C-alpha cells in the first residue's frame, strides 16, 4: 500500500475508536466517501494494526446494533419538525 493510504487508514481507525463514531460521521470529518472509510477500517487496518482493527470492529458492531434507534429518532425529529438540538 502507498504511505498516505496507510496513514489515512490509521487516522480513521483511531478517530472512530476515540470518538465511538459512525462510518458516515468519519467520512464527513475526513471529506472522503463512506466506502473508502469502510474499506480502510475493515480491510486495510488488519494489515497495519491488528489490535486497533479489533477495537474498530467492536465500535462498528455496536453502531450496527444501535442503528435502528438512531433511525427512529431521526424519523421522530423529521415528523415533529424538531431539530436535533431541541429534540
N, C-alpha and C. Protein backbone atom coordinates (compact mmCIF):
# COMPACT_ATOMS: atom_id res chain seq x y z
N UNK A 1 0.84 -1.19 0.00
CA UNK A 1 0.00 0.00 0.00
C UNK A 1 0.88 1.24 0.00
N UNK A 2 0.33 2.28 -0.50
CA UNK A 2 1.05 3.55 -0.51
C UNK A 2 1.01 4.16 0.88
N UNK A 3 1.99 4.95 1.20
CA UNK A 3 2.13 5.52 2.53
C UNK A 3 0.94 6.34 2.99
N UNK A 4 0.40 7.19 2.12
CA UNK A 4 -0.71 8.04 2.53
C UNK A 4 -1.97 7.24 2.81
N UNK A 5 -2.16 6.14 2.13
CA UNK A 5 -3.33 5.30 2.37
C UNK A 5 -3.22 4.63 3.73
N UNK A 6 -2.03 4.17 4.06
CA UNK A 6 -1.81 3.56 5.37
C UNK A 6 -2.04 4.57 6.48
N UNK A 7 -1.51 5.78 6.30
CA UNK A 7 -1.70 6.84 7.30
C UNK A 7 -3.17 7.17 7.47
N UNK A 8 -3.89 7.27 6.35
CA UNK A 8 -5.31 7.59 6.41
C UNK A 8 -6.08 6.49 7.14
N UNK A 9 -5.76 5.24 6.84
CA UNK A 9 -6.45 4.13 7.49
C UNK A 9 -6.22 4.16 9.01
N UNK A 10 -5.00 4.43 9.42
CA UNK A 10 -4.70 4.52 10.85
C UNK A 10 -5.41 5.70 11.50
N UNK A 11 -5.41 6.85 10.83
CA UNK A 11 -6.10 8.02 11.37
C UNK A 11 -7.60 7.77 11.51
N UNK A 12 -8.19 7.18 10.48
CA UNK A 12 -9.62 6.88 10.53
C UNK A 12 -9.95 5.91 11.66
N UNK A 13 -9.17 4.87 11.78
CA UNK A 13 -9.41 3.88 12.82
C UNK A 13 -9.31 4.52 14.21
N UNK A 14 -8.27 5.30 14.42
CA UNK A 14 -8.11 5.97 15.72
C UNK A 14 -9.27 6.91 16.00
N UNK A 15 -9.69 7.66 14.98
CA UNK A 15 -10.80 8.60 15.13
C UNK A 15 -12.09 7.87 15.52
N UNK A 16 -12.37 6.77 14.84
CA UNK A 16 -13.59 6.01 15.11
C UNK A 16 -13.56 5.44 16.52
N UNK A 17 -12.44 4.90 16.94
CA UNK A 17 -12.34 4.30 18.28
C UNK A 17 -12.42 5.37 19.36
N UNK A 18 -11.67 6.46 19.20
CA UNK A 18 -11.65 7.51 20.23
C UNK A 18 -12.99 8.20 20.39
N UNK A 19 -13.71 8.40 19.29
CA UNK A 19 -14.97 9.15 19.33
C UNK A 19 -16.20 8.26 19.28
N UNK A 20 -16.00 6.94 19.16
CA UNK A 20 -17.12 6.00 19.04
C UNK A 20 -18.11 6.47 17.98
N UNK A 21 -17.59 6.86 16.84
CA UNK A 21 -18.39 7.47 15.80
C UNK A 21 -18.76 6.46 14.71
N UNK A 22 -19.62 6.86 13.83
CA UNK A 22 -20.06 6.02 12.73
C UNK A 22 -19.15 6.21 11.51
N UNK A 23 -19.28 5.29 10.57
CA UNK A 23 -18.53 5.40 9.32
C UNK A 23 -18.95 6.69 8.60
N UNK A 24 -20.22 7.00 8.63
CA UNK A 24 -20.73 8.21 7.97
C UNK A 24 -20.13 9.47 8.56
N UNK A 25 -20.08 9.52 9.89
CA UNK A 25 -19.51 10.69 10.56
C UNK A 25 -18.02 10.83 10.27
N UNK A 26 -17.31 9.72 10.25
CA UNK A 26 -15.87 9.75 9.94
C UNK A 26 -15.65 10.20 8.50
N UNK A 27 -16.49 9.74 7.60
CA UNK A 27 -16.37 10.14 6.20
C UNK A 27 -16.56 11.65 6.07
N UNK A 28 -17.54 12.18 6.77
CA UNK A 28 -17.78 13.62 6.74
C UNK A 28 -16.62 14.41 7.32
N UNK A 29 -16.09 13.94 8.41
CA UNK A 29 -14.97 14.61 9.07
C UNK A 29 -13.73 14.66 8.19
N UNK A 30 -13.43 13.55 7.50
CA UNK A 30 -12.23 13.47 6.69
C UNK A 30 -12.46 13.85 5.23
N UNK A 31 -13.71 14.10 4.84
CA UNK A 31 -14.02 14.52 3.47
C UNK A 31 -13.80 13.44 2.44
N UNK A 32 -14.10 12.18 2.80
CA UNK A 32 -13.98 11.07 1.86
C UNK A 32 -15.28 10.27 1.88
N UNK A 33 -15.39 9.31 0.98
CA UNK A 33 -16.63 8.55 0.88
C UNK A 33 -16.75 7.51 2.00
N UNK A 34 -17.99 7.11 2.27
CA UNK A 34 -18.23 6.07 3.27
C UNK A 34 -17.59 4.75 2.84
N UNK A 35 -17.59 4.49 1.54
CA UNK A 35 -16.98 3.26 1.03
C UNK A 35 -15.49 3.22 1.33
N UNK A 36 -14.83 4.34 1.16
CA UNK A 36 -13.40 4.42 1.43
C UNK A 36 -13.12 4.20 2.91
N UNK A 37 -13.92 4.85 3.77
CA UNK A 37 -13.75 4.68 5.21
C UNK A 37 -13.94 3.22 5.58
N UNK A 38 -14.99 2.62 5.08
CA UNK A 38 -15.28 1.24 5.42
C UNK A 38 -14.16 0.31 4.97
N UNK A 39 -13.66 0.51 3.76
CA UNK A 39 -12.57 -0.33 3.27
C UNK A 39 -11.31 -0.13 4.12
N UNK A 40 -11.03 1.11 4.47
CA UNK A 40 -9.84 1.39 5.29
C UNK A 40 -9.93 0.73 6.66
N UNK A 41 -11.07 0.84 7.32
CA UNK A 41 -11.17 0.36 8.70
C UNK A 41 -11.60 -1.10 8.82
N UNK A 42 -12.02 -1.71 7.74
CA UNK A 42 -12.39 -3.12 7.84
C UNK A 42 -11.41 -4.04 7.13
N UNK A 43 -10.68 -3.55 6.15
CA UNK A 43 -9.74 -4.39 5.41
C UNK A 43 -8.29 -3.95 5.58
N UNK A 44 -8.01 -2.72 5.27
CA UNK A 44 -6.61 -2.25 5.26
C UNK A 44 -6.00 -2.23 6.65
N UNK A 45 -6.78 -1.88 7.65
CA UNK A 45 -6.25 -1.76 9.01
C UNK A 45 -5.79 -3.11 9.55
N UNK A 46 -6.34 -4.21 9.06
CA UNK A 46 -5.94 -5.54 9.52
C UNK A 46 -4.45 -5.79 9.29
N UNK A 47 -3.92 -5.28 8.20
CA UNK A 47 -2.52 -5.49 7.86
C UNK A 47 -1.59 -4.52 8.58
N UNK A 48 -2.18 -3.45 9.12
CA UNK A 48 -1.37 -2.40 9.73
C UNK A 48 -1.30 -2.50 11.25
N UNK A 49 -2.45 -2.79 11.87
CA UNK A 49 -2.50 -2.76 13.34
C UNK A 49 -3.66 -3.65 13.78
N UNK A 50 -3.38 -4.88 14.12
CA UNK A 50 -4.44 -5.85 14.41
C UNK A 50 -5.25 -5.49 15.66
N UNK A 51 -4.62 -4.97 16.69
CA UNK A 51 -5.36 -4.61 17.91
C UNK A 51 -6.33 -3.45 17.64
N UNK A 52 -5.88 -2.46 16.90
CA UNK A 52 -6.74 -1.34 16.53
C UNK A 52 -7.89 -1.83 15.65
N UNK A 53 -7.61 -2.78 14.77
CA UNK A 53 -8.65 -3.34 13.91
C UNK A 53 -9.73 -4.01 14.76
N UNK A 54 -9.33 -4.69 15.80
CA UNK A 54 -10.29 -5.34 16.70
C UNK A 54 -11.17 -4.30 17.40
N UNK A 55 -10.55 -3.20 17.85
CA UNK A 55 -11.31 -2.15 18.53
C UNK A 55 -12.30 -1.48 17.59
N UNK A 56 -11.86 -1.22 16.36
CA UNK A 56 -12.75 -0.61 15.36
C UNK A 56 -13.92 -1.54 15.08
N UNK A 57 -13.64 -2.82 14.96
CA UNK A 57 -14.70 -3.78 14.68
C UNK A 57 -15.76 -3.76 15.78
N UNK A 58 -15.33 -3.64 17.03
CA UNK A 58 -16.28 -3.57 18.15
C UNK A 58 -17.16 -2.33 18.05
N UNK A 59 -16.55 -1.19 17.72
CA UNK A 59 -17.32 0.05 17.59
C UNK A 59 -18.32 -0.08 16.44
N UNK A 60 -17.88 -0.61 15.31
CA UNK A 60 -18.78 -0.75 14.16
C UNK A 60 -19.92 -1.72 14.45
N UNK A 61 -19.64 -2.80 15.17
CA UNK A 61 -20.71 -3.74 15.53
C UNK A 61 -21.70 -3.09 16.48
N UNK A 62 -21.20 -2.31 17.41
CA UNK A 62 -22.08 -1.59 18.33
C UNK A 62 -22.97 -0.60 17.55
N UNK A 63 -22.38 0.11 16.60
CA UNK A 63 -23.15 1.04 15.77
C UNK A 63 -24.23 0.31 14.99
N UNK A 64 -23.89 -0.87 14.51
CA UNK A 64 -24.86 -1.66 13.74
C UNK A 64 -26.05 -2.07 14.61
N UNK A 65 -25.75 -2.42 15.86
CA UNK A 65 -26.83 -2.80 16.78
C UNK A 65 -27.72 -1.62 17.14
N UNK A 66 -27.17 -0.42 17.13
CA UNK A 66 -27.91 0.77 17.55
C UNK A 66 -28.54 1.55 16.39
N UNK A 67 -28.29 1.16 15.16
CA UNK A 67 -28.74 1.99 14.05
C UNK A 67 -30.25 2.14 13.97
N UNK A 68 -31.00 1.13 14.38
CA UNK A 68 -32.46 1.26 14.34
C UNK A 68 -32.94 2.33 15.32
N UNK A 69 -32.22 2.52 16.39
CA UNK A 69 -32.58 3.56 17.36
C UNK A 69 -32.31 4.94 16.77
N UNK A 70 -31.13 5.11 16.15
CA UNK A 70 -30.81 6.40 15.54
C UNK A 70 -31.78 6.72 14.41
N UNK A 71 -32.15 5.70 13.64
CA UNK A 71 -33.09 5.92 12.54
C UNK A 71 -34.45 6.31 13.04
N UNK A 72 -34.89 5.67 14.10
CA UNK A 72 -36.19 6.03 14.69
C UNK A 72 -36.20 7.44 15.23
N UNK A 73 -35.10 7.84 15.85
CA UNK A 73 -35.00 9.20 16.37
C UNK A 73 -35.01 10.21 15.23
N UNK A 74 -34.31 9.93 14.16
CA UNK A 74 -34.27 10.83 13.01
C UNK A 74 -35.67 10.99 12.41
N UNK A 75 -36.42 9.92 12.34
CA UNK A 75 -37.78 9.98 11.82
C UNK A 75 -38.67 10.81 12.74
N UNK A 76 -38.54 10.63 14.03
CA UNK A 76 -39.30 11.41 15.00
C UNK A 76 -39.01 12.89 14.83
N UNK A 77 -37.75 13.22 14.73
CA UNK A 77 -37.34 14.62 14.58
C UNK A 77 -37.94 15.19 13.30
N UNK A 78 -37.88 14.42 12.23
CA UNK A 78 -38.38 14.89 10.94
C UNK A 78 -39.87 15.20 11.00
N UNK A 79 -40.66 14.29 11.56
CA UNK A 79 -42.10 14.46 11.53
C UNK A 79 -42.63 15.39 12.61
N UNK A 80 -41.88 15.64 13.64
CA UNK A 80 -42.30 16.59 14.65
C UNK A 80 -41.76 17.98 14.37
N UNK A 81 -40.93 18.10 13.35
CA UNK A 81 -40.39 19.40 12.98
C UNK A 81 -39.38 19.93 13.97
N UNK A 82 -38.74 19.02 14.69
CA UNK A 82 -37.75 19.42 15.67
C UNK A 82 -36.37 19.47 15.05
N UNK A 83 -35.45 20.08 15.76
CA UNK A 83 -34.06 19.98 15.36
C UNK A 83 -33.38 19.08 16.36
N UNK A 84 -32.21 18.59 16.04
CA UNK A 84 -31.51 17.69 16.94
C UNK A 84 -31.19 18.36 18.27
N UNK A 85 -31.03 19.69 18.27
CA UNK A 85 -30.68 20.41 19.50
C UNK A 85 -31.85 20.52 20.47
N UNK A 86 -33.07 20.70 19.95
CA UNK A 86 -34.19 20.87 20.87
C UNK A 86 -35.09 19.67 20.95
N UNK A 87 -34.69 18.53 20.35
CA UNK A 87 -35.49 17.31 20.35
C UNK A 87 -35.14 16.47 21.47
